[in-house]
PDB file of N, CA and C in Angstrom:
ATOM      1  N   MET A   1       6.872  19.929  -4.030  1.00  0.00           N
ATOM      2  CA  MET A   1       6.475  18.814  -4.886  1.00  0.00           C
ATOM      3  C   MET A   1       5.894  17.695  -4.028  1.00  0.00           C
ATOM      4  N   GLU A   2       4.970  16.978  -4.643  1.00  0.00           N
ATOM      5  CA  GLU A   2       4.330  15.866  -3.939  1.00  0.00           C
ATOM      6  C   GLU A   2       4.153  14.693  -4.893  1.00  0.00           C
ATOM      7  N   LEU A   3       4.278  13.498  -4.363  1.00  0.00           N
ATOM      8  CA  LEU A   3       4.095  12.272  -5.136  1.00  0.00           C
ATOM      9  C   LEU A   3       2.608  12.029  -5.361  1.00  0.00           C
ATOM     10  N   LYS A   4       2.241  11.740  -6.614  1.00  0.00           N
ATOM     11  CA  LYS A   4       0.835  11.510  -6.964  1.00  0.00           C
ATOM     12  C   LYS A   4       0.713  10.197  -7.728  1.00  0.00           C
ATOM     13  N   VAL A   5      -0.459   9.562  -7.628  1.00  0.00           N
ATOM     14  CA  VAL A   5      -0.741   8.332  -8.365  1.00  0.00           C
ATOM     15  C   VAL A   5      -2.096   8.461  -9.043  1.00  0.00           C
ATOM     16  N   ASN A   6      -2.144   8.143 -10.340  1.00  0.00           N
ATOM     17  CA  ASN A   6      -3.410   8.074 -11.070  1.00  0.00           C
ATOM     18  C   ASN A   6      -3.849   6.613 -11.032  1.00  0.00           C
ATOM     19  N   GLN A   7      -4.822   6.313 -10.156  1.00  0.00           N
ATOM     20  CA  GLN A   7      -5.257   4.931  -9.976  1.00  0.00           C
ATOM     21  C   GLN A   7      -5.873   4.348 -11.249  1.00  0.00           C
ATOM     22  N   ASP A   8      -6.419   5.188 -12.117  1.00  0.00           N
ATOM     23  CA  ASP A   8      -7.018   4.698 -13.366  1.00  0.00           C
ATOM     24  C   ASP A   8      -5.965   4.179 -14.336  1.00  0.00           C
ATOM     25  N   LYS A   9      -4.735   4.712 -14.244  1.00  0.00           N
ATOM     26  CA  LYS A   9      -3.654   4.274 -15.126  1.00  0.00           C
ATOM     27  C   LYS A   9      -2.812   3.163 -14.500  1.00  0.00           C
ATOM     28  N   CYS A  10      -2.840   3.047 -13.165  1.00  0.00           N
ATOM     29  CA  CYS A  10      -1.980   2.109 -12.452  1.00  0.00           C
ATOM     30  C   CYS A  10      -2.376   0.659 -12.740  1.00  0.00           C
ATOM     31  N   LEU A  11      -1.365  -0.149 -13.089  1.00  0.00           N
ATOM     32  CA  LEU A  11      -1.577  -1.583 -13.356  1.00  0.00           C
ATOM     33  C   LEU A  11      -1.329  -2.426 -12.109  1.00  0.00           C
ATOM     34  N   GLY A  12      -0.768  -1.809 -11.071  1.00  0.00           N
ATOM     35  CA  GLY A  12      -0.419  -2.565  -9.872  1.00  0.00           C
ATOM     36  C   GLY A  12       0.763  -3.489 -10.084  1.00  0.00           C
ATOM     37  N   CYS A  13       1.612  -3.160 -11.042  1.00  0.00           N
ATOM     38  CA  CYS A  13       2.742  -4.040 -11.375  1.00  0.00           C
ATOM     39  C   CYS A  13       3.832  -4.011 -10.306  1.00  0.00           C
ATOM     40  N   GLY A  14       3.909  -2.916  -9.551  1.00  0.00           N
ATOM     41  CA  GLY A  14       4.885  -2.837  -8.469  1.00  0.00           C
ATOM     42  C   GLY A  14       6.283  -2.436  -8.880  1.00  0.00           C
ATOM     43  N   VAL A  15       6.481  -2.060 -10.141  1.00  0.00           N
ATOM     44  CA  VAL A  15       7.808  -1.656 -10.598  1.00  0.00           C
ATOM     45  C   VAL A  15       8.312  -0.456  -9.791  1.00  0.00           C
ATOM     46  N   CYS A  16       7.430   0.486  -9.491  1.00  0.00           N
ATOM     47  CA  CYS A  16       7.836   1.670  -8.723  1.00  0.00           C
ATOM     48  C   CYS A  16       8.281   1.293  -7.312  1.00  0.00           C
ATOM     49  N   VAL A  17       7.618   0.303  -6.730  1.00  0.00           N
ATOM     50  CA  VAL A  17       7.944  -0.145  -5.373  1.00  0.00           C
ATOM     51  C   VAL A  17       9.369  -0.682  -5.332  1.00  0.00           C
ATOM     52  N   VAL A  18       9.714  -1.481  -6.345  1.00  0.00           N
ATOM     53  CA  VAL A  18      11.040  -2.091  -6.423  1.00  0.00           C
ATOM     54  C   VAL A  18      12.096  -1.063  -6.820  1.00  0.00           C
ATOM     55  N   ALA A  19      11.745  -0.138  -7.717  1.00  0.00           N
ATOM     56  CA  ALA A  19      12.698   0.852  -8.218  1.00  0.00           C
ATOM     57  C   ALA A  19      13.075   1.895  -7.173  1.00  0.00           C
ATOM     58  N   CYS A  20      12.186   2.169  -6.243  1.00  0.00           N
ATOM     59  CA  CYS A  20      12.388   3.231  -5.257  1.00  0.00           C
ATOM     60  C   CYS A  20      13.556   2.925  -4.318  1.00  0.00           C
ATOM     61  N   PRO A  21      14.610   3.768  -4.337  1.00  0.00           N
ATOM     62  CA  PRO A  21      15.762   3.501  -3.457  1.00  0.00           C
ATOM     63  C   PRO A  21      15.424   3.657  -1.973  1.00  0.00           C
ATOM     64  N   ILE A  22      14.466   4.508  -1.643  1.00  0.00           N
ATOM     65  CA  ILE A  22      14.067   4.681  -0.245  1.00  0.00           C
ATOM     66  C   ILE A  22      13.329   3.431   0.245  1.00  0.00           C
ATOM     67  N   ASN A  23      12.433   2.909  -0.587  1.00  0.00           N
ATOM     68  CA  ASN A  23      11.737   1.668  -0.227  1.00  0.00           C
ATOM     69  C   ASN A  23      12.739   0.559   0.078  1.00  0.00           C
ATOM     70  N   ALA A  24      13.757   0.441  -0.783  1.00  0.00           N
ATOM     71  CA  ALA A  24      14.761  -0.619  -0.611  1.00  0.00           C
ATOM     72  C   ALA A  24      15.559  -0.423   0.674  1.00  0.00           C
ATOM     73  N   SER A  25      15.807   0.833   1.054  1.00  0.00           N
ATOM     74  CA  SER A  25      16.572   1.067   2.278  1.00  0.00           C
ATOM     75  C   SER A  25      15.722   0.803   3.522  1.00  0.00           C
ATOM     76  N   ILE A  26      14.408   1.038   3.427  1.00  0.00           N
ATOM     77  CA  ILE A  26      13.503   0.815   4.559  1.00  0.00           C
ATOM     78  C   ILE A  26      13.170  -0.668   4.707  1.00  0.00           C
ATOM     79  N   SER A  27      12.953  -1.323   3.572  1.00  0.00           N
ATOM     80  CA  SER A  27      12.521  -2.728   3.570  1.00  0.00           C
ATOM     81  C   SER A  27      13.351  -3.487   2.529  1.00  0.00           C
ATOM     82  N   PRO A  28      14.538  -4.011   2.918  1.00  0.00           N
ATOM     83  CA  PRO A  28      15.508  -4.579   1.968  1.00  0.00           C
ATOM     84  C   PRO A  28      14.973  -5.665   1.035  1.00  0.00           C
ATOM     85  N   GLU A  29      13.939  -6.400   1.453  1.00  0.00           N
ATOM     86  CA  GLU A  29      13.411  -7.458   0.573  1.00  0.00           C
ATOM     87  C   GLU A  29      12.813  -6.894  -0.712  1.00  0.00           C
ATOM     88  N   VAL A  30      12.502  -5.601  -0.729  1.00  0.00           N
ATOM     89  CA  VAL A  30      11.949  -4.949  -1.922  1.00  0.00           C
ATOM     90  C   VAL A  30      12.926  -5.058  -3.093  1.00  0.00           C
ATOM     91  N   SER A  31      14.220  -4.873  -2.831  1.00  0.00           N
ATOM     92  CA  SER A  31      15.203  -4.922  -3.918  1.00  0.00           C
ATOM     93  C   SER A  31      15.305  -6.311  -4.527  1.00  0.00           C
ATOM     94  N   GLY A  32      14.783  -7.326  -3.846  1.00  0.00           N
ATOM     95  CA  GLY A  32      14.742  -8.674  -4.407  1.00  0.00           C
ATOM     96  C   GLY A  32      13.447  -8.946  -5.152  1.00  0.00           C
ATOM     97  N   GLY A  33      12.585  -7.917  -5.254  1.00  0.00           N
ATOM     98  CA  GLY A  33      11.340  -8.062  -5.995  1.00  0.00           C
ATOM     99  C   GLY A  33      10.163  -8.517  -5.148  1.00  0.00           C
ATOM    100  N   HIS A  34      10.352  -8.559  -3.833  1.00  0.00           N
ATOM    101  CA  HIS A  34       9.277  -8.982  -2.935  1.00  0.00           C
ATOM    102  C   HIS A  34       8.548  -7.773  -2.369  1.00  0.00           C
ATOM    103  N   GLY A  35       7.338  -7.986  -1.890  1.00  0.00           N
ATOM    104  CA  GLY A  35       6.579  -6.908  -1.278  1.00  0.00           C
ATOM    105  C   GLY A  35       7.215  -6.491   0.039  1.00  0.00           C
ATOM    106  N   PRO A  36       7.099  -5.211   0.381  1.00  0.00           N
ATOM    107  CA  PRO A  36       7.665  -4.739   1.641  1.00  0.00           C
ATOM    108  C   PRO A  36       6.955  -5.371   2.841  1.00  0.00           C
ATOM    109  N   LYS A  37       7.692  -5.500   3.922  1.00  0.00           N
ATOM    110  CA  LYS A  37       7.147  -6.113   5.131  1.00  0.00           C
ATOM    111  C   LYS A  37       6.657  -5.051   6.132  1.00  0.00           C
ATOM    112  N   THR A  38       6.688  -3.782   5.748  1.00  0.00           N
ATOM    113  CA  THR A  38       6.282  -2.703   6.637  1.00  0.00           C
ATOM    114  C   THR A  38       5.575  -1.596   5.861  1.00  0.00           C
ATOM    115  N   GLU A  39       4.662  -0.913   6.498  1.00  0.00           N
ATOM    116  CA  GLU A  39       3.994   0.216   5.856  1.00  0.00           C
ATOM    117  C   GLU A  39       4.795   1.506   6.007  1.00  0.00           C
ATOM    118  N   ASP A  40       6.042   1.409   6.497  1.00  0.00           N
ATOM    119  CA  ASP A  40       6.922   2.579   6.578  1.00  0.00           C
ATOM    120  C   ASP A  40       7.470   2.966   5.211  1.00  0.00           C
ATOM    121  N   VAL A  41       7.281   2.103   4.208  1.00  0.00           N
ATOM    122  CA  VAL A  41       7.749   2.414   2.853  1.00  0.00           C
ATOM    123  C   VAL A  41       6.893   3.523   2.249  1.00  0.00           C
ATOM    124  N   ILE A  42       7.369   4.096   1.158  1.00  0.00           N
ATOM    125  CA  ILE A  42       6.644   5.188   0.504  1.00  0.00           C
ATOM    126  C   ILE A  42       5.401   4.676  -0.202  1.00  0.00           C
ATOM    127  N   MET A  43       5.553   3.580  -0.953  1.00  0.00           N
ATOM    128  CA  MET A  43       4.402   3.025  -1.672  1.00  0.00           C
ATOM    129  C   MET A  43       4.493   1.518  -1.721  1.00  0.00           C
ATOM    130  N   MET A  44       3.314   0.882  -1.850  1.00  0.00           N
ATOM    131  CA  MET A  44       3.266  -0.566  -2.029  1.00  0.00           C
ATOM    132  C   MET A  44       1.970  -0.930  -2.750  1.00  0.00           C
ATOM    133  N   VAL A  45       1.940  -2.125  -3.339  1.00  0.00           N
ATOM    134  CA  VAL A  45       0.748  -2.591  -4.041  1.00  0.00           C
ATOM    135  C   VAL A  45      -0.252  -3.089  -3.004  1.00  0.00           C
ATOM    136  N   GLU A  46      -1.467  -2.565  -3.104  1.00  0.00           N
ATOM    137  CA  GLU A  46      -2.539  -3.014  -2.227  1.00  0.00           C
ATOM    138  C   GLU A  46      -3.812  -3.087  -3.057  1.00  0.00           C
ATOM    139  N   ASN A  47      -4.471  -4.234  -3.024  1.00  0.00           N
ATOM    140  CA  ASN A  47      -5.690  -4.448  -3.814  1.00  0.00           C
ATOM    141  C   ASN A  47      -5.488  -4.147  -5.303  1.00  0.00           C
ATOM    142  N   GLY A  48      -4.314  -4.499  -5.820  1.00  0.00           N
ATOM    143  CA  GLY A  48      -4.063  -4.393  -7.252  1.00  0.00           C
ATOM    144  C   GLY A  48      -3.649  -3.026  -7.762  1.00  0.00           C
ATOM    145  N   VAL A  49      -3.469  -2.053  -6.870  1.00  0.00           N
ATOM    146  CA  VAL A  49      -2.991  -0.727  -7.281  1.00  0.00           C
ATOM    147  C   VAL A  49      -1.978  -0.215  -6.261  1.00  0.00           C
ATOM    148  N   ILE A  50      -1.232   0.797  -6.661  1.00  0.00           N
ATOM    149  CA  ILE A  50      -0.256   1.399  -5.760  1.00  0.00           C
ATOM    150  C   ILE A  50      -0.972   2.278  -4.745  1.00  0.00           C
ATOM    151  N   LYS A  51      -0.600   2.103  -3.502  1.00  0.00           N
ATOM    152  CA  LYS A  51      -1.112   2.966  -2.439  1.00  0.00           C
ATOM    153  C   LYS A  51       0.077   3.667  -1.796  1.00  0.00           C
ATOM    154  N   LEU A  52      -0.049   4.969  -1.588  1.00  0.00           N
ATOM    155  CA  LEU A  52       1.023   5.733  -0.961  1.00  0.00           C
ATOM    156  C   LEU A  52       0.872   5.668   0.555  1.00  0.00           C
ATOM    157  N   PHE A  53       1.981   5.442   1.239  1.00  0.00           N
ATOM    158  CA  PHE A  53       1.973   5.357   2.698  1.00  0.00           C
ATOM    159  C   PHE A  53       2.780   6.503   3.295  1.00  0.00           C
ATOM    160  N   SER A  54       4.085   6.352   3.376  1.00  0.00           N
ATOM    161  CA  SER A  54       4.930   7.355   4.025  1.00  0.00           C
ATOM    162  C   SER A  54       5.503   8.336   3.007  1.00  0.00           C
ATOM    163  N   LYS A  55       4.634   9.198   2.486  1.00  0.00           N
ATOM    164  CA  LYS A  55       5.064  10.155   1.460  1.00  0.00           C
ATOM    165  C   LYS A  55       6.148  11.111   1.973  1.00  0.00           C
ATOM    166  N   ASP A  56       6.180  11.346   3.284  1.00  0.00           N
ATOM    167  CA  ASP A  56       7.185  12.252   3.845  1.00  0.00           C
ATOM    168  C   ASP A  56       8.599  11.713   3.696  1.00  0.00           C
ATOM    169  N   SER A  57       8.730  10.404   3.496  1.00  0.00           N
ATOM    170  CA  SER A  57      10.054   9.795   3.312  1.00  0.00           C
ATOM    171  C   SER A  57      10.593  10.002   1.902  1.00  0.00           C
ATOM    172  N   CYS A  58       9.728  10.399   0.985  1.00  0.00           N
ATOM    173  CA  CYS A  58      10.101  10.572  -0.429  1.00  0.00           C
ATOM    174  C   CYS A  58      11.109  11.702  -0.590  1.00  0.00           C
ATOM    175  N   THR A  59      12.214  11.416  -1.321  1.00  0.00           N
ATOM    176  CA  THR A  59      13.241  12.427  -1.569  1.00  0.00           C
ATOM    177  C   THR A  59      13.022  13.123  -2.922  1.00  0.00           C
ATOM    178  N   LYS A  60      11.920  12.805  -3.599  1.00  0.00           N
ATOM    179  CA  LYS A  60      11.556  13.421  -4.890  1.00  0.00           C
ATOM    180  C   LYS A  60      12.610  13.151  -5.969  1.00  0.00           C
ATOM    181  N   CYS A  61      13.193  11.945  -5.935  1.00  0.00           N
ATOM    182  CA  CYS A  61      14.244  11.608  -6.907  1.00  0.00           C
ATOM    183  C   CYS A  61      13.673  11.306  -8.291  1.00  0.00           C
ATOM    184  N   GLY A  62      12.397  10.908  -8.359  1.00  0.00           N
ATOM    185  CA  GLY A  62      11.759  10.654  -9.649  1.00  0.00           C
ATOM    186  C   GLY A  62      11.996   9.271 -10.226  1.00  0.00           C
ATOM    187  N   THR A  63      12.682   8.400  -9.499  1.00  0.00           N
ATOM    188  CA  THR A  63      12.978   7.056 -10.015  1.00  0.00           C
ATOM    189  C   THR A  63      11.697   6.280 -10.307  1.00  0.00           C
ATOM    190  N   CYS A  64      10.720   6.369  -9.420  1.00  0.00           N
ATOM    191  CA  CYS A  64       9.460   5.646  -9.623  1.00  0.00           C
ATOM    192  C   CYS A  64       8.773   6.107 -10.908  1.00  0.00           C
ATOM    193  N   GLN A  65       8.824   7.406 -11.145  1.00  0.00           N
ATOM    194  CA  GLN A  65       8.193   7.984 -12.334  1.00  0.00           C
ATOM    195  C   GLN A  65       8.871   7.487 -13.610  1.00  0.00           C
ATOM    196  N   VAL A  66      10.193   7.414 -13.584  1.00  0.00           N
ATOM    197  CA  VAL A  66      10.954   6.956 -14.745  1.00  0.00           C
ATOM    198  C   VAL A  66      10.602   5.519 -15.107  1.00  0.00           C
ATOM    199  N   PHE A  67      10.424   4.662 -14.095  1.00  0.00           N
ATOM    200  CA  PHE A  67      10.203   3.237 -14.336  1.00  0.00           C
ATOM    201  C   PHE A  67       8.750   2.854 -14.571  1.00  0.00           C
ATOM    202  N   CYS A  68       7.788   3.720 -14.239  1.00  0.00           N
ATOM    203  CA  CYS A  68       6.382   3.379 -14.398  1.00  0.00           C
ATOM    204  C   CYS A  68       6.025   3.213 -15.870  1.00  0.00           C
ATOM    205  N   PRO A  69       5.530   2.027 -16.269  1.00  0.00           N
ATOM    206  CA  PRO A  69       5.235   1.781 -17.684  1.00  0.00           C
ATOM    207  C   PRO A  69       4.001   2.522 -18.204  1.00  0.00           C
ATOM    208  N   THR A  70       3.160   3.021 -17.306  1.00  0.00           N
ATOM    209  CA  THR A  70       1.935   3.687 -17.752  1.00  0.00           C
ATOM    210  C   THR A  70       1.845   5.162 -17.339  1.00  0.00           C
ATOM    211  N   ASP A  71       2.951   5.717 -16.833  1.00  0.00           N
ATOM    212  CA  ASP A  71       2.987   7.110 -16.350  1.00  0.00           C
ATOM    213  C   ASP A  71       1.902   7.369 -15.302  1.00  0.00           C
ATOM    214  N   ALA A  72       1.667   6.397 -14.435  1.00  0.00           N
ATOM    215  CA  ALA A  72       0.623   6.520 -13.422  1.00  0.00           C
ATOM    216  C   ALA A  72       1.122   7.194 -12.152  1.00  0.00           C
ATOM    217  N   ILE A  73       2.430   7.339 -12.012  1.00  0.00           N
ATOM    218  CA  ILE A  73       2.987   7.963 -10.801  1.00  0.00           C
ATOM    219  C   ILE A  73       3.903   9.114 -11.212  1.00  0.00           C
ATOM    220  N   TRP A  74       3.773  10.230 -10.514  1.00  0.00           N
ATOM    221  CA  TRP A  74       4.551  11.408 -10.885  1.00  0.00           C
ATOM    222  C   TRP A  74       4.697  12.345  -9.712  1.00  0.00           C
ATOM    223  N   LEU A  75       5.597  13.310  -9.892  1.00  0.00           N
ATOM    224  CA  LEU A  75       5.800  14.371  -8.899  1.00  0.00           C
ATOM    225  C   LEU A  75       5.137  15.635  -9.411  1.00  0.00           C
ATOM    226  N   GLU A  76       4.368  16.261  -8.532  1.00  0.00           N
ATOM    227  CA  GLU A  76       3.646  17.478  -8.947  1.00  0.00           C
ATOM    228  C   GLU A  76       3.973  18.604  -7.974  1.00  0.00           C
TER     229      GLU A  76
END
């Protein structure tokens, strides 16, 4: 399985960034609703859309997919 993002559906709201437990463990300020301070996170908002960075860190838990309001992120 691999994490995918449909940029046409993505609002850049960042809910997936905050919801991701791995992101929060890598960059603790994420759990407070702030942007990550490192590109070691799995995903972050860049130029108004989600960009995937360290996909290898993803545990395929599906939390980001559950919280995405537009179904723009999923596991395939």
